[in-house]
PDB file of N, CA and C in Angstrom:
ATOM      1  N   MET A   1     -67.632 -33.436   8.072  1.00  0.00           N
ATOM      2  CA  MET A   1     -68.365 -33.908   7.193  1.00  0.00           C
ATOM      3  C   MET A   1     -67.667 -35.145   7.622  1.00  0.00           C
ATOM      4  N   LEU A   2     -68.829 -36.651   7.497  1.00  0.00           N
ATOM      5  CA  LEU A   2     -68.645 -37.663   7.604  1.00  0.00           C
ATOM      6  C   LEU A   2     -68.470 -38.505   6.285  1.00  0.00           C
ATOM      7  N   THR A   3     -67.700 -39.075   6.167  1.00  0.00           N
ATOM      8  CA  THR A   3     -67.486 -39.694   5.240  1.00  0.00           C
ATOM      9  C   THR A   3     -66.929 -41.235   5.336  1.00  0.00           C
ATOM     10  N   LEU A   4     -67.137 -42.280   4.122  1.00  0.00           N
ATOM     11  CA  LEU A   4     -67.135 -43.840   4.800  1.00  0.00           C
ATOM     12  C   LEU A   4     -66.224 -44.957   3.935  1.00  0.00           C
ATOM     13  N   ASP A   5     -64.958 -43.427   3.861  1.00  0.00           N
ATOM     14  CA  ASP A   5     -64.059 -44.588   2.635  1.00  0.00           C
ATOM     15  C   ASP A   5     -62.476 -44.161   3.669  1.00  0.00           C
ATOM     16  N   LEU A   6     -63.083 -44.869   5.144  1.00  0.00           N
ATOM     17  CA  LEU A   6     -62.828 -45.360   6.233  1.00  0.00           C
ATOM     18  C   LEU A   6     -60.828 -45.757   5.626  1.00  0.00           C
ATOM     19  N   PRO A   7     -59.759 -45.548   6.398  1.00  0.00           N
ATOM     20  CA  PRO A   7     -58.213 -45.513   6.192  1.00  0.00           C
ATOM     21  C   PRO A   7     -58.628 -47.527   5.650  1.00  0.00           C
ATOM     22  N   VAL A   8     -57.808 -47.961   5.844  1.00  0.00           N
ATOM     23  CA  VAL A   8     -57.520 -49.543   6.535  1.00  0.00           C
ATOM     24  C   VAL A   8     -56.257 -50.304   6.316  1.00  0.00           C
ATOM     25  N   GLU A   9     -55.114 -49.737   5.931  1.00  0.00           N
ATOM     26  CA  GLU A   9     -54.082 -49.048   6.478  1.00  0.00           C
ATOM     27  C   GLU A   9     -53.668 -47.639   7.236  1.00  0.00           C
ATOM     28  N   PRO A  10     -52.550 -47.553   7.469  1.00  0.00           N
ATOM     29  CA  PRO A  10     -51.640 -47.421   9.163  1.00  0.00           C
ATOM     30  C   PRO A  10     -51.711 -45.854   7.732  1.00  0.00           C
ATOM     31  N   TYR A  11     -51.927 -44.464   9.069  1.00  0.00           N
ATOM     32  CA  TYR A  11     -51.841 -43.336   8.687  1.00  0.00           C
ATOM     33  C   TYR A  11     -51.026 -42.771   8.812  1.00  0.00           C
ATOM     34  N   TRP A  12     -50.035 -41.113   8.127  1.00  0.00           N
ATOM     35  CA  TRP A  12     -49.232 -40.169   9.313  1.00  0.00           C
ATOM     36  C   TRP A  12     -50.535 -39.506  10.101  1.00  0.00           C
ATOM     37  N   LEU A  13     -51.120 -38.591  11.541  1.00  0.00           N
ATOM     38  CA  LEU A  13     -51.654 -37.485  11.212  1.00  0.00           C
ATOM     39  C   LEU A  13     -50.334 -36.310  12.259  1.00  0.00           C
ATOM     40  N   ASP A  14     -49.909 -35.053  11.507  1.00  0.00           N
ATOM     41  CA  ASP A  14     -49.411 -33.558  11.878  1.00  0.00           C
ATOM     42  C   ASP A  14     -50.251 -33.451  12.944  1.00  0.00           C
ATOM     43  N   LEU A  15     -49.770 -32.943  14.079  1.00  0.00           N
ATOM     44  CA  LEU A  15     -49.641 -32.628  15.478  1.00  0.00           C
ATOM     45  C   LEU A  15     -49.796 -31.748  15.594  1.00  0.00           C
ATOM     46  N   PRO A  16     -49.889 -30.249  16.215  1.00  0.00           N
ATOM     47  CA  PRO A  16     -48.585 -29.010  16.750  1.00  0.00           C
ATOM     48  C   PRO A  16     -47.415 -29.704  17.053  1.00  0.00           C
ATOM     49  N   ARG A  17     -46.626 -28.520  17.275  1.00  0.00           N
ATOM     50  CA  ARG A  17     -45.243 -28.416  17.415  1.00  0.00           C
ATOM     51  C   ARG A  17     -44.221 -29.380  16.975  1.00  0.00           C
ATOM     52  N   GLY A  18     -44.915 -29.741  15.303  1.00  0.00           N
ATOM     53  CA  GLY A  18     -43.617 -30.870  14.977  1.00  0.00           C
ATOM     54  C   GLY A  18     -43.654 -32.453  15.246  1.00  0.00           C
ATOM     55  N   VAL A  19     -45.034 -32.532  15.640  1.00  0.00           N
ATOM     56  CA  VAL A  19     -45.247 -33.388  15.858  1.00  0.00           C
ATOM     57  C   VAL A  19     -45.693 -34.498  15.072  1.00  0.00           C
ATOM     58  N   ARG A  20     -45.382 -35.680  14.063  1.00  0.00           N
ATOM     59  CA  ARG A  20     -46.124 -36.748  13.284  1.00  0.00           C
ATOM     60  C   ARG A  20     -46.734 -37.724  14.093  1.00  0.00           C
ATOM     61  N   VAL A  21     -47.225 -38.228  14.125  1.00  0.00           N
ATOM     62  CA  VAL A  21     -47.891 -39.782  15.252  1.00  0.00           C
ATOM     63  C   VAL A  21     -48.661 -40.796  13.713  1.00  0.00           C
ATOM     64  N   GLU A  22     -48.216 -42.424  13.562  1.00  0.00           N
ATOM     65  CA  GLU A  22     -48.587 -42.972  12.393  1.00  0.00           C
ATOM     66  C   GLU A  22     -49.912 -44.296  13.708  1.00  0.00           C
ATOM     67  N   ILE A  23     -50.661 -44.017  13.093  1.00  0.00           N
ATOM     68  CA  ILE A  23     -52.081 -44.559  13.318  1.00  0.00           C
ATOM     69  C   ILE A  23     -52.495 -45.584  12.730  1.00  0.00           C
ATOM     70  N   ARG A  24     -53.126 -46.583  13.521  1.00  0.00           N
ATOM     71  CA  ARG A  24     -53.704 -47.481  12.324  1.00  0.00           C
ATOM     72  C   ARG A  24     -55.101 -47.429  12.487  1.00  0.00           C
ATOM     73  N   PRO A  25     -55.432 -47.848  11.852  1.00  0.00           N
ATOM     74  CA  PRO A  25     -57.537 -46.953  12.210  1.00  0.00           C
ATOM     75  C   PRO A  25     -58.168 -47.584  13.082  1.00  0.00           C
ATOM     76  N   VAL A  26     -58.476 -46.448  14.208  1.00  0.00           N
ATOM     77  CA  VAL A  26     -58.858 -46.871  15.131  1.00  0.00           C
ATOM     78  C   VAL A  26     -60.788 -48.083  14.764  1.00  0.00           C
ATOM     79  N   THR A  27     -60.694 -49.548  14.842  1.00  0.00           N
ATOM     80  CA  THR A  27     -61.406 -50.813  14.598  1.00  0.00           C
ATOM     81  C   THR A  27     -62.338 -50.718  15.824  1.00  0.00           C
ATOM     82  N   THR A  28     -63.155 -51.476  16.084  1.00  0.00           N
ATOM     83  CA  THR A  28     -64.088 -51.259  16.663  1.00  0.00           C
ATOM     84  C   THR A  28     -63.051 -52.298  18.509  1.00  0.00           C
ATOM     85  N   ALA A  29     -62.614 -53.215  17.865  1.00  0.00           N
ATOM     86  CA  ALA A  29     -61.735 -54.057  19.026  1.00  0.00           C
ATOM     87  C   ALA A  29     -61.779 -52.503  19.325  1.00  0.00           C
ATOM     88  N   VAL A  30     -60.499 -51.409  18.584  1.00  0.00           N
ATOM     89  CA  VAL A  30     -59.246 -51.156  18.936  1.00  0.00           C
ATOM     90  C   VAL A  30     -59.938 -50.466  19.721  1.00  0.00           C
ATOM     91  N   MET A  31     -61.016 -49.883  19.978  1.00  0.00           N
ATOM     92  CA  MET A  31     -62.427 -48.614  20.791  1.00  0.00           C
ATOM     93  C   MET A  31     -62.660 -49.477  21.389  1.00  0.00           C
ATOM     94  N   ALA A  32     -62.636 -50.350  21.523  1.00  0.00           N
ATOM     95  CA  ALA A  32     -63.466 -51.772  22.717  1.00  0.00           C
ATOM     96  C   ALA A  32     -61.793 -51.548  23.761  1.00  0.00           C
ATOM     97  N   ALA A  33     -60.859 -52.514  22.996  1.00  0.00           N
ATOM     98  CA  ALA A  33     -59.926 -52.674  23.871  1.00  0.00           C
ATOM     99  C   ALA A  33     -59.732 -50.978  24.698  1.00  0.00           C
ATOM    100  N   ALA A  34     -59.352 -50.335  23.846  1.00  0.00           N
ATOM    101  CA  ALA A  34     -59.071 -48.942  24.863  1.00  0.00           C
ATOM    102  C   ALA A  34     -60.153 -48.588  25.721  1.00  0.00           C
ATOM    103  N   GLN A  35     -61.792 -48.763  25.479  1.00  0.00           N
ATOM    104  CA  GLN A  35     -62.510 -48.817  26.576  1.00  0.00           C
ATOM    105  C   GLN A  35     -62.480 -49.918  28.146  1.00  0.00           C
ATOM    106  N   ALA A  36     -62.167 -50.664  27.803  1.00  0.00           N
ATOM    107  CA  ALA A  36     -62.060 -51.848  28.747  1.00  0.00           C
ATOM    108  C   ALA A  36     -60.744 -50.807  29.797  1.00  0.00           C
ATOM    109  N   GLY A  37     -60.027 -50.480  29.083  1.00  0.00           N
ATOM    110  CA  GLY A  37     -58.748 -50.433  29.661  1.00  0.00           C
ATOM    111  C   GLY A  37     -59.014 -49.556  30.613  1.00  0.00           C
ATOM    112  N   SER A  38     -59.529 -48.257  29.972  1.00  0.00           N
ATOM    113  CA  SER A  38     -59.568 -47.648  30.262  1.00  0.00           C
ATOM    114  C   SER A  38     -60.734 -47.121  32.062  1.00  0.00           C
ATOM    115  N   ALA A  39     -61.871 -48.468  31.076  1.00  0.00           N
ATOM    116  CA  ALA A  39     -62.648 -48.591  33.082  1.00  0.00           C
ATOM    117  C   ALA A  39     -61.462 -49.514  34.057  1.00  0.00           C
ATOM    118  N   ARG A  40     -60.728 -50.963  33.500  1.00  0.00           N
ATOM    119  CA  ARG A  40     -60.247 -50.478  34.319  1.00  0.00           C
ATOM    120  C   ARG A  40     -59.812 -50.007  35.234  1.00  0.00           C
ATOM    121  N   ARG A  41     -59.036 -49.095  35.543  1.00  0.00           N
ATOM    122  CA  ARG A  41     -58.311 -48.004  35.217  1.00  0.00           C
ATOM    123  C   ARG A  41     -59.320 -47.126  36.366  1.00  0.00           C
ATOM    124  N   LEU A  42     -59.685 -47.362  35.374  1.00  0.00           N
ATOM    125  CA  LEU A  42     -61.015 -46.046  37.067  1.00  0.00           C
ATOM    126  C   LEU A  42     -61.430 -46.730  38.522  1.00  0.00           C
ATOM    127  N   GLY A  43     -61.717 -48.011  37.641  1.00  0.00           N
ATOM    128  CA  GLY A  43     -62.397 -48.986  38.723  1.00  0.00           C
ATOM    129  C   GLY A  43     -61.022 -49.037  39.444  1.00  0.00           C
ATOM    130  N   ALA A  44     -59.764 -49.119  39.347  1.00  0.00           N
ATOM    131  CA  ALA A  44     -59.218 -48.593  40.545  1.00  0.00           C
ATOM    132  C   ALA A  44     -58.822 -47.950  41.236  1.00  0.00           C
ATOM    133  N   LEU A  45     -59.264 -46.967  40.547  1.00  0.00           N
ATOM    134  CA  LEU A  45     -58.464 -45.778  41.668  1.00  0.00           C
ATOM    135  C   LEU A  45     -59.925 -45.489  41.872  1.00  0.00           C
ATOM    136  N   ARG A  46     -61.262 -45.415  41.940  1.00  0.00           N
ATOM    137  CA  ARG A  46     -61.913 -45.084  42.708  1.00  0.00           C
ATOM    138  C   ARG A  46     -61.703 -46.653  44.044  1.00  0.00           C
ATOM    139  N   ALA A  47     -62.142 -47.393  43.467  1.00  0.00           N
ATOM    140  CA  ALA A  47     -61.935 -47.940  44.531  1.00  0.00           C
ATOM    141  C   ALA A  47     -60.194 -47.849  45.753  1.00  0.00           C
ATOM    142  N   SER A  48     -59.859 -46.913  45.093  1.00  0.00           N
ATOM    143  CA  SER A  48     -58.620 -46.806  46.353  1.00  0.00           C
ATOM    144  C   SER A  48     -59.215 -44.838  46.784  1.00  0.00           C
ATOM    145  N   GLN A  49     -59.557 -44.350  45.934  1.00  0.00           N
ATOM    146  CA  GLN A  49     -60.439 -43.093  46.133  1.00  0.00           C
ATOM    147  C   GLN A  49     -61.936 -42.640  46.573  1.00  0.00           C
ATOM    148  N   ALA A  50     -61.783 -43.631  47.275  1.00  0.00           N
ATOM    149  CA  ALA A  50     -64.179 -43.416  48.016  1.00  0.00           C
ATOM    150  C   ALA A  50     -64.224 -42.283  48.100  1.00  0.00           C
ATOM    151  N   ASP A  51     -63.678 -41.170  48.650  1.00  0.00           N
ATOM    152  CA  ASP A  51     -64.006 -40.015  47.993  1.00  0.00           C
ATOM    153  C   ASP A  51     -63.932 -38.768  46.249  1.00  0.00           C
ATOM    154  N   LEU A  52     -63.618 -39.950  45.826  1.00  0.00           N
ATOM    155  CA  LEU A  52     -63.248 -39.001  44.346  1.00  0.00           C
ATOM    156  C   LEU A  52     -63.914 -37.908  43.499  1.00  0.00           C
ATOM    157  N   ASP A  53     -63.817 -37.139  43.622  1.00  0.00           N
ATOM    158  CA  ASP A  53     -64.838 -35.635  43.548  1.00  0.00           C
ATOM    159  C   ASP A  53     -65.075 -36.968  41.758  1.00  0.00           C
ATOM    160  N   PRO A  54     -66.525 -36.745  41.167  1.00  0.00           N
ATOM    161  CA  PRO A  54     -67.118 -37.226  40.219  1.00  0.00           C
ATOM    162  C   PRO A  54     -66.940 -36.526  38.908  1.00  0.00           C
ATOM    163  N   ASP A  55     -66.548 -35.072  39.450  1.00  0.00           N
ATOM    164  CA  ASP A  55     -65.838 -33.988  37.607  1.00  0.00           C
ATOM    165  C   ASP A  55     -64.805 -34.600  37.741  1.00  0.00           C
ATOM    166  N   MET A  56     -63.647 -34.880  38.970  1.00  0.00           N
ATOM    167  CA  MET A  56     -62.203 -35.554  38.452  1.00  0.00           C
ATOM    168  C   MET A  56     -62.106 -36.745  37.706  1.00  0.00           C
ATOM    169  N   ALA A  57     -63.122 -37.207  37.967  1.00  0.00           N
ATOM    170  CA  ALA A  57     -63.289 -38.509  37.460  1.00  0.00           C
ATOM    171  C   ALA A  57     -63.452 -39.269  36.363  1.00  0.00           C
ATOM    172  N   ARG A  58     -64.566 -38.346  35.965  1.00  0.00           N
ATOM    173  CA  ARG A  58     -65.330 -37.928  34.717  1.00  0.00           C
ATOM    174  C   ARG A  58     -63.479 -38.021  33.464  1.00  0.00           C
ATOM    175  N   GLY A  59     -62.948 -36.077  34.202  1.00  0.00           N
ATOM    176  CA  GLY A  59     -61.289 -36.470  33.706  1.00  0.00           C
ATOM    177  C   GLY A  59     -60.630 -36.834  33.406  1.00  0.00           C
ATOM    178  N   LEU A  60     -60.559 -37.475  34.149  1.00  0.00           N
ATOM    179  CA  LEU A  60     -59.592 -39.016  34.450  1.00  0.00           C
ATOM    180  C   LEU A  60     -59.839 -39.980  33.678  1.00  0.00           C
ATOM    181  N   ALA A  61     -60.786 -40.354  33.631  1.00  0.00           N
ATOM    182  CA  ALA A  61     -61.648 -41.760  32.754  1.00  0.00           C
ATOM    183  C   ALA A  61     -61.110 -40.701  31.501  1.00  0.00           C
ATOM    184  N   PHE A  62     -62.032 -39.821  30.973  1.00  0.00           N
ATOM    185  CA  PHE A  62     -61.461 -39.425  29.530  1.00  0.00           C
ATOM    186  C   PHE A  62     -59.939 -39.534  29.162  1.00  0.00           C
ATOM    187  N   ALA A  63     -59.555 -39.096  29.941  1.00  0.00           N
ATOM    188  CA  ALA A  63     -57.658 -39.176  29.583  1.00  0.00           C
ATOM    189  C   ALA A  63     -57.053 -40.562  29.634  1.00  0.00           C
ATOM    190  N   PHE A  64     -57.056 -41.589  30.441  1.00  0.00           N
ATOM    191  CA  PHE A  64     -58.041 -43.188  30.121  1.00  0.00           C
ATOM    192  C   PHE A  64     -57.483 -43.329  29.290  1.00  0.00           C
ATOM    193  N   LEU A  65     -59.299 -42.977  27.953  1.00  0.00           N
ATOM    194  CA  LEU A  65     -59.349 -43.326  27.031  1.00  0.00           C
ATOM    195  C   LEU A  65     -58.802 -43.583  26.049  1.00  0.00           C
ATOM    196  N   VAL A  66     -58.130 -41.863  26.352  1.00  0.00           N
ATOM    197  CA  VAL A  66     -56.636 -40.819  25.297  1.00  0.00           C
ATOM    198  C   VAL A  66     -55.744 -42.378  25.251  1.00  0.00           C
ATOM    199  N   LYS A  67     -55.043 -42.376  26.350  1.00  0.00           N
ATOM    200  CA  LYS A  67     -53.669 -42.402  26.158  1.00  0.00           C
ATOM    201  C   LYS A  67     -54.137 -44.689  25.895  1.00  0.00           C
ATOM    202  N   ALA A  68     -55.526 -45.274  26.101  1.00  0.00           N
ATOM    203  CA  ALA A  68     -55.050 -46.464  26.287  1.00  0.00           C
ATOM    204  C   ALA A  68     -55.733 -46.458  24.444  1.00  0.00           C
ATOM    205  N   LEU A  69     -55.973 -45.441  23.496  1.00  0.00           N
ATOM    206  CA  LEU A  69     -56.223 -45.324  22.456  1.00  0.00           C
ATOM    207  C   LEU A  69     -54.392 -44.800  21.654  1.00  0.00           C
ATOM    208  N   ALA A  70     -54.314 -44.123  22.243  1.00  0.00           N
ATOM    209  CA  ALA A  70     -52.756 -44.153  22.178  1.00  0.00           C
ATOM    210  C   ALA A  70     -52.196 -45.551  21.762  1.00  0.00           C
ATOM    211  N   ARG A  71     -52.165 -46.179  23.048  1.00  0.00           N
ATOM    212  CA  ARG A  71     -51.206 -47.343  22.810  1.00  0.00           C
ATOM    213  C   ARG A  71     -51.474 -49.387  22.727  1.00  0.00           C
ATOM    214  N   HIS A  72     -53.022 -48.405  21.723  1.00  0.00           N
ATOM    215  CA  HIS A  72     -53.749 -50.045  20.736  1.00  0.00           C
ATOM    216  C   HIS A  72     -53.672 -48.882  18.939  1.00  0.00           C
ATOM    217  N   ALA A  73     -52.929 -47.816  19.405  1.00  0.00           N
ATOM    218  CA  ALA A  73     -53.155 -47.657  17.756  1.00  0.00           C
ATOM    219  C   ALA A  73     -52.037 -47.242  17.117  1.00  0.00           C
ATOM    220  N   VAL A  74     -50.624 -45.843  17.934  1.00  0.00           N
ATOM    221  CA  VAL A  74     -50.077 -45.528  17.758  1.00  0.00           C
ATOM    222  C   VAL A  74     -48.749 -46.907  16.942  1.00  0.00           C
ATOM    223  N   THR A  75     -48.655 -47.010  15.975  1.00  0.00           N
ATOM    224  CA  THR A  75     -47.306 -47.183  15.014  1.00  0.00           C
ATOM    225  C   THR A  75     -45.970 -46.605  15.819  1.00  0.00           C
ATOM    226  N   ALA A  76     -45.659 -45.684  15.285  1.00  0.00           N
ATOM    227  CA  ALA A  76     -44.492 -44.935  14.500  1.00  0.00           C
ATOM    228  C   ALA A  76     -44.728 -43.290  15.551  1.00  0.00           C
ATOM    229  N   TRP A  77     -43.829 -42.586  15.322  1.00  0.00           N
ATOM    230  CA  TRP A  77     -44.330 -41.696  15.782  1.00  0.00           C
ATOM    231  C   TRP A  77     -43.078 -40.725  15.623  1.00  0.00           C
ATOM    232  N   GLU A  78     -43.221 -39.591  15.887  1.00  0.00           N
ATOM    233  CA  GLU A  78     -41.192 -39.238  14.729  1.00  0.00           C
ATOM    234  C   GLU A  78     -41.378 -37.532  15.258  1.00  0.00           C
ATOM    235  N   GLY A  79     -40.555 -36.423  16.059  1.00  0.00           N
ATOM    236  CA  GLY A  79     -40.728 -35.261  17.167  1.00  0.00           C
ATOM    237  C   GLY A  79     -41.145 -35.895  17.697  1.00  0.00           C
ATOM    238  N   VAL A  80     -40.113 -36.498  18.815  1.00  0.00           N
ATOM    239  CA  VAL A  80     -41.102 -36.757  20.055  1.00  0.00           C
ATOM    240  C   VAL A  80     -39.950 -36.074  21.265  1.00  0.00           C
ATOM    241  N   GLY A  81     -39.585 -36.134  22.274  1.00  0.00           N
ATOM    242  CA  GLY A  81     -37.973 -36.259  23.150  1.00  0.00           C
ATOM    243  C   GLY A  81     -37.917 -35.416  23.945  1.00  0.00           C
ATOM    244  N   ASP A  82     -37.186 -36.322  24.510  1.00  0.00           N
ATOM    245  CA  ASP A  82     -36.957 -35.874  26.100  1.00  0.00           C
ATOM    246  C   ASP A  82     -36.369 -34.796  26.351  1.00  0.00           C
ATOM    247  N   ALA A  83     -36.435 -34.759  27.776  1.00  0.00           N
ATOM    248  CA  ALA A  83     -36.233 -32.791  28.132  1.00  0.00           C
ATOM    249  C   ALA A  83     -34.586 -31.973  26.962  1.00  0.00           C
ATOM    250  N   ALA A  84     -34.015 -32.724  27.408  1.00  0.00           N
ATOM    251  CA  ALA A  84     -32.601 -32.473  26.518  1.00  0.00           C
ATOM    252  C   ALA A  84     -32.717 -32.135  24.691  1.00  0.00           C
ATOM    253  N   GLY A  85     -34.503 -32.706  24.397  1.00  0.00           N
ATOM    254  CA  GLY A  85     -33.851 -33.057  22.885  1.00  0.00           C
ATOM    255  C   GLY A  85     -33.535 -34.086  22.473  1.00  0.00           C
ATOM    256  N   LYS A  86     -33.266 -34.975  22.515  1.00  0.00           N
ATOM    257  CA  LYS A  86     -32.872 -36.141  21.908  1.00  0.00           C
ATOM    258  C   LYS A  86     -33.733 -37.280  21.685  1.00  0.00           C
ATOM    259  N   PRO A  87     -34.168 -37.709  21.076  1.00  0.00           N
ATOM    260  CA  PRO A  87     -35.349 -37.814  20.198  1.00  0.00           C
ATOM    261  C   PRO A  87     -35.753 -39.559  21.313  1.00  0.00           C
ATOM    262  N   LEU A  88     -37.201 -39.406  21.452  1.00  0.00           N
ATOM    263  CA  LEU A  88     -37.974 -40.437  22.052  1.00  0.00           C
ATOM    264  C   LEU A  88     -37.896 -42.255  21.508  1.00  0.00           C
ATOM    265  N   PRO A  89     -37.721 -42.981  21.673  1.00  0.00           N
ATOM    266  CA  PRO A  89     -38.644 -44.306  20.989  1.00  0.00           C
ATOM    267  C   PRO A  89     -40.125 -44.425  21.457  1.00  0.00           C
ATOM    268  N   LEU A  90     -40.836 -45.415  20.831  1.00  0.00           N
ATOM    269  CA  LEU A  90     -42.087 -45.766  20.724  1.00  0.00           C
ATOM    270  C   LEU A  90     -42.067 -46.639  21.780  1.00  0.00           C
ATOM    271  N   SER A  91     -42.888 -46.529  22.958  1.00  0.00           N
ATOM    272  CA  SER A  91     -42.872 -47.095  23.924  1.00  0.00           C
ATOM    273  C   SER A  91     -44.234 -47.296  24.487  1.00  0.00           C
ATOM    274  N   PRO A  92     -44.806 -48.476  24.573  1.00  0.00           N
ATOM    275  CA  PRO A  92     -46.217 -48.885  24.969  1.00  0.00           C
ATOM    276  C   PRO A  92     -46.287 -48.964  27.155  1.00  0.00           C
ATOM    277  N   ARG A  93     -45.368 -47.871  26.849  1.00  0.00           N
ATOM    278  CA  ARG A  93     -45.627 -47.873  28.627  1.00  0.00           C
ATOM    279  C   ARG A  93     -46.233 -47.162  28.564  1.00  0.00           C
ATOM    280  N   PRO A  94     -47.825 -46.824  29.800  1.00  0.00           N
ATOM    281  CA  PRO A  94     -48.148 -46.462  30.598  1.00  0.00           C
ATOM    282  C   PRO A  94     -47.526 -45.453  31.718  1.00  0.00           C
ATOM    283  N   SER A  95     -48.230 -44.268  31.408  1.00  0.00           N
ATOM    284  CA  SER A  95     -48.267 -43.032  32.117  1.00  0.00           C
ATOM    285  C   SER A  95     -49.296 -42.983  33.303  1.00  0.00           C
ATOM    286  N   SER A  96     -48.459 -41.812  33.951  1.00  0.00           N
ATOM    287  CA  SER A  96     -49.501 -41.695  35.374  1.00  0.00           C
ATOM    288  C   SER A  96     -51.017 -41.179  35.069  1.00  0.00           C
ATOM    289  N   ALA A  97     -51.571 -41.000  35.239  1.00  0.00           N
ATOM    290  CA  ALA A  97     -53.139 -40.515  35.536  1.00  0.00           C
ATOM    291  C   ALA A  97     -52.481 -39.355  33.712  1.00  0.00           C
TER     292      ALA A  97
END
């Protein structure tokens, strides 16, 4: 169901494996910024790989959008660690595809 009482303050989401993220509401501006960043990354990839498979391009576009949304909306996290289980701080540094 779609509700019209959307949050205006950051809130926590529980994810699988004991992970929680605090996110700010995804406004039109946040979504537009994420879409622009995703389009830029995909454009650069297409320029460097002219033979990029269309299905792969679609999958990468979605992955880029999700990562860009996370960079713009996630304000804190819990339950995220390195291989040794040491908690990692939230970082805006993008990872590869």
